[in-house]
Amino acid sequence: MYRRYLQLAAVSVVFASEVVGHPAAVGKVWEVEDPMGLIASSLDYLSGLSALTGRV
């Protein structure tokens, strides 16, 4: 159970860093440079998180 928790925490941190890292400063406004990439990577991480938690 402890290893599963650590794996879940690690994937969650990577997912959060991906989401936070996508916006970029364009002038004085923060915008997402690649919205489709953000959506795709978010769905991929959510799928992985669902598999780790046993939910489909």
N, C-alpha and C. Protein backbone atom coordinates (compact mmCIF):
# COMPACT_ATOMS: atom_id res chain seq x y z
N MET A 1 0.83 -1.19 0.00
CA MET A 1 0.00 0.00 0.00
C MET A 1 0.87 1.26 0.00
N TYR A 2 1.96 1.23 0.77
CA TYR A 2 2.85 2.39 0.86
C TYR A 2 3.48 2.70 -0.49
N ARG A 3 3.91 1.66 -1.20
CA ARG A 3 4.52 1.88 -2.54
C ARG A 3 3.50 2.46 -3.51
N ARG A 4 2.27 1.98 -3.41
CA ARG A 4 1.22 2.50 -4.29
C ARG A 4 0.98 3.98 -4.00
N TYR A 5 0.97 4.34 -2.72
CA TYR A 5 0.81 5.74 -2.33
C TYR A 5 1.96 6.59 -2.87
N LEU A 6 3.19 6.11 -2.76
CA LEU A 6 4.34 6.86 -3.27
C LEU A 6 4.26 7.02 -4.79
N GLN A 7 3.84 5.97 -5.48
CA GLN A 7 3.70 6.05 -6.93
C GLN A 7 2.63 7.07 -7.31
N LEU A 8 1.52 7.05 -6.60
CA LEU A 8 0.44 8.00 -6.84
C LEU A 8 0.91 9.43 -6.58
N ALA A 9 1.64 9.64 -5.49
CA ALA A 9 2.16 10.97 -5.17
C ALA A 9 3.14 11.44 -6.24
N ALA A 10 4.00 10.57 -6.71
CA ALA A 10 4.99 10.94 -7.74
C ALA A 10 4.30 11.35 -9.04
N VAL A 11 3.33 10.56 -9.47
CA VAL A 11 2.60 10.88 -10.70
C VAL A 11 1.83 12.18 -10.53
N SER A 12 1.26 12.42 -9.35
CA SER A 12 0.51 13.65 -9.10
C SER A 12 1.41 14.88 -9.19
N VAL A 13 2.62 14.77 -8.66
CA VAL A 13 3.56 15.89 -8.71
C VAL A 13 3.98 16.17 -10.15
N VAL A 14 4.25 15.14 -10.92
CA VAL A 14 4.63 15.32 -12.33
C VAL A 14 3.47 15.96 -13.09
N PHE A 15 2.26 15.49 -12.83
CA PHE A 15 1.08 16.05 -13.49
C PHE A 15 0.93 17.54 -13.16
N ALA A 16 1.08 17.89 -11.89
CA ALA A 16 0.97 19.29 -11.48
C ALA A 16 2.05 20.14 -12.14
N SER A 17 3.26 19.62 -12.24
CA SER A 17 4.33 20.40 -12.87
C SER A 17 4.07 20.60 -14.36
N GLU A 18 3.48 19.60 -15.00
CA GLU A 18 3.12 19.75 -16.42
C GLU A 18 2.09 20.86 -16.60
N VAL A 19 1.07 20.87 -15.75
CA VAL A 19 0.01 21.87 -15.86
C VAL A 19 0.56 23.26 -15.57
N VAL A 20 1.37 23.38 -14.54
CA VAL A 20 1.93 24.68 -14.17
C VAL A 20 2.94 25.14 -15.21
N GLY A 21 3.65 24.22 -15.82
CA GLY A 21 4.69 24.58 -16.78
C GLY A 21 4.19 24.97 -18.16
N HIS A 22 2.95 24.67 -18.48
CA HIS A 22 2.44 24.98 -19.82
C HIS A 22 2.22 26.46 -20.08
N PRO A 23 1.66 27.22 -19.12
CA PRO A 23 1.47 28.65 -19.41
C PRO A 23 2.82 29.36 -19.56
N ALA A 24 2.86 30.31 -20.45
CA ALA A 24 4.08 31.08 -20.66
C ALA A 24 3.72 32.56 -20.74
N ALA A 25 4.64 33.37 -20.31
CA ALA A 25 4.39 34.81 -20.34
C ALA A 25 4.49 35.31 -21.78
N VAL A 26 3.42 35.93 -22.23
CA VAL A 26 3.39 36.55 -23.55
C VAL A 26 3.05 38.01 -23.29
N GLY A 27 4.04 38.85 -23.36
CA GLY A 27 3.84 40.23 -22.96
C GLY A 27 3.65 40.26 -21.45
N LYS A 28 2.54 40.81 -21.01
CA LYS A 28 2.23 40.85 -19.58
C LYS A 28 1.12 39.87 -19.21
N VAL A 29 0.72 39.05 -20.18
CA VAL A 29 -0.39 38.12 -19.98
C VAL A 29 0.14 36.69 -20.04
N TRP A 30 -0.35 35.85 -19.11
CA TRP A 30 0.03 34.43 -19.14
C TRP A 30 -0.94 33.69 -20.04
N GLU A 31 -0.40 32.98 -21.02
CA GLU A 31 -1.22 32.21 -21.94
C GLU A 31 -0.66 30.80 -22.07
N VAL A 32 -1.51 29.89 -22.45
CA VAL A 32 -1.07 28.52 -22.74
C VAL A 32 -0.62 28.50 -24.19
N GLU A 33 0.66 28.19 -24.40
CA GLU A 33 1.20 28.19 -25.76
C GLU A 33 0.66 27.03 -26.60
N ASP A 34 0.45 25.88 -25.96
CA ASP A 34 0.01 24.69 -26.67
C ASP A 34 -1.20 24.08 -25.95
N PRO A 35 -2.39 24.65 -26.16
CA PRO A 35 -3.57 24.16 -25.44
C PRO A 35 -3.86 22.69 -25.71
N MET A 36 -3.71 22.25 -26.95
CA MET A 36 -3.99 20.85 -27.27
C MET A 36 -2.99 19.92 -26.58
N GLY A 37 -1.74 20.34 -26.47
CA GLY A 37 -0.74 19.56 -25.76
C GLY A 37 -1.07 19.45 -24.28
N LEU A 38 -1.54 20.55 -23.71
CA LEU A 38 -1.94 20.55 -22.30
C LEU A 38 -3.12 19.62 -22.07
N ILE A 39 -4.09 19.67 -22.95
CA ILE A 39 -5.25 18.80 -22.84
C ILE A 39 -4.83 17.34 -22.96
N ALA A 40 -4.00 17.04 -23.96
CA ALA A 40 -3.57 15.66 -24.19
C ALA A 40 -2.76 15.12 -23.01
N SER A 41 -1.82 15.92 -22.52
CA SER A 41 -1.01 15.44 -21.40
C SER A 41 -1.85 15.32 -20.13
N SER A 42 -2.81 16.22 -19.95
CA SER A 42 -3.70 16.14 -18.78
C SER A 42 -4.52 14.86 -18.82
N LEU A 43 -5.09 14.53 -19.98
CA LEU A 43 -5.87 13.31 -20.09
C LEU A 43 -5.01 12.07 -19.88
N ASP A 44 -3.78 12.12 -20.37
CA ASP A 44 -2.86 11.00 -20.19
C ASP A 44 -2.54 10.79 -18.71
N TYR A 45 -2.24 11.86 -18.00
CA TYR A 45 -1.94 11.75 -16.57
C TYR A 45 -3.17 11.33 -15.77
N LEU A 46 -4.33 11.87 -16.13
CA LEU A 46 -5.55 11.47 -15.42
C LEU A 46 -5.86 9.99 -15.63
N SER A 47 -5.57 9.50 -16.82
CA SER A 47 -5.74 8.07 -17.09
C SER A 47 -4.80 7.26 -16.20
N GLY A 48 -3.55 7.70 -16.09
CA GLY A 48 -2.59 7.01 -15.23
C GLY A 48 -2.99 7.06 -13.77
N LEU A 49 -3.48 8.21 -13.33
CA LEU A 49 -3.93 8.34 -11.95
C LEU A 49 -5.13 7.45 -11.67
N SER A 50 -6.04 7.37 -12.63
CA SER A 50 -7.21 6.51 -12.47
C SER A 50 -6.79 5.05 -12.34
N ALA A 51 -5.80 4.64 -13.13
CA ALA A 51 -5.32 3.26 -13.05
C ALA A 51 -4.69 2.99 -11.68
N LEU A 52 -3.96 3.97 -11.15
CA LEU A 52 -3.31 3.79 -9.85
C LEU A 52 -4.32 3.72 -8.71
N THR A 53 -5.41 4.44 -8.84
CA THR A 53 -6.39 4.47 -7.76
C THR A 53 -7.45 3.37 -7.93
N GLY A 54 -7.40 2.67 -9.05
CA GLY A 54 -8.34 1.57 -9.26
C GLY A 54 -9.69 2.00 -9.78
N ARG A 55 -9.78 3.24 -10.23
CA ARG A 55 -11.04 3.74 -10.78
C ARG A 55 -10.93 3.83 -12.28
N VAL A 56 -12.02 3.53 -12.95
CA VAL A 56 -12.03 3.59 -14.41
C VAL A 56 -12.94 4.69 -14.87
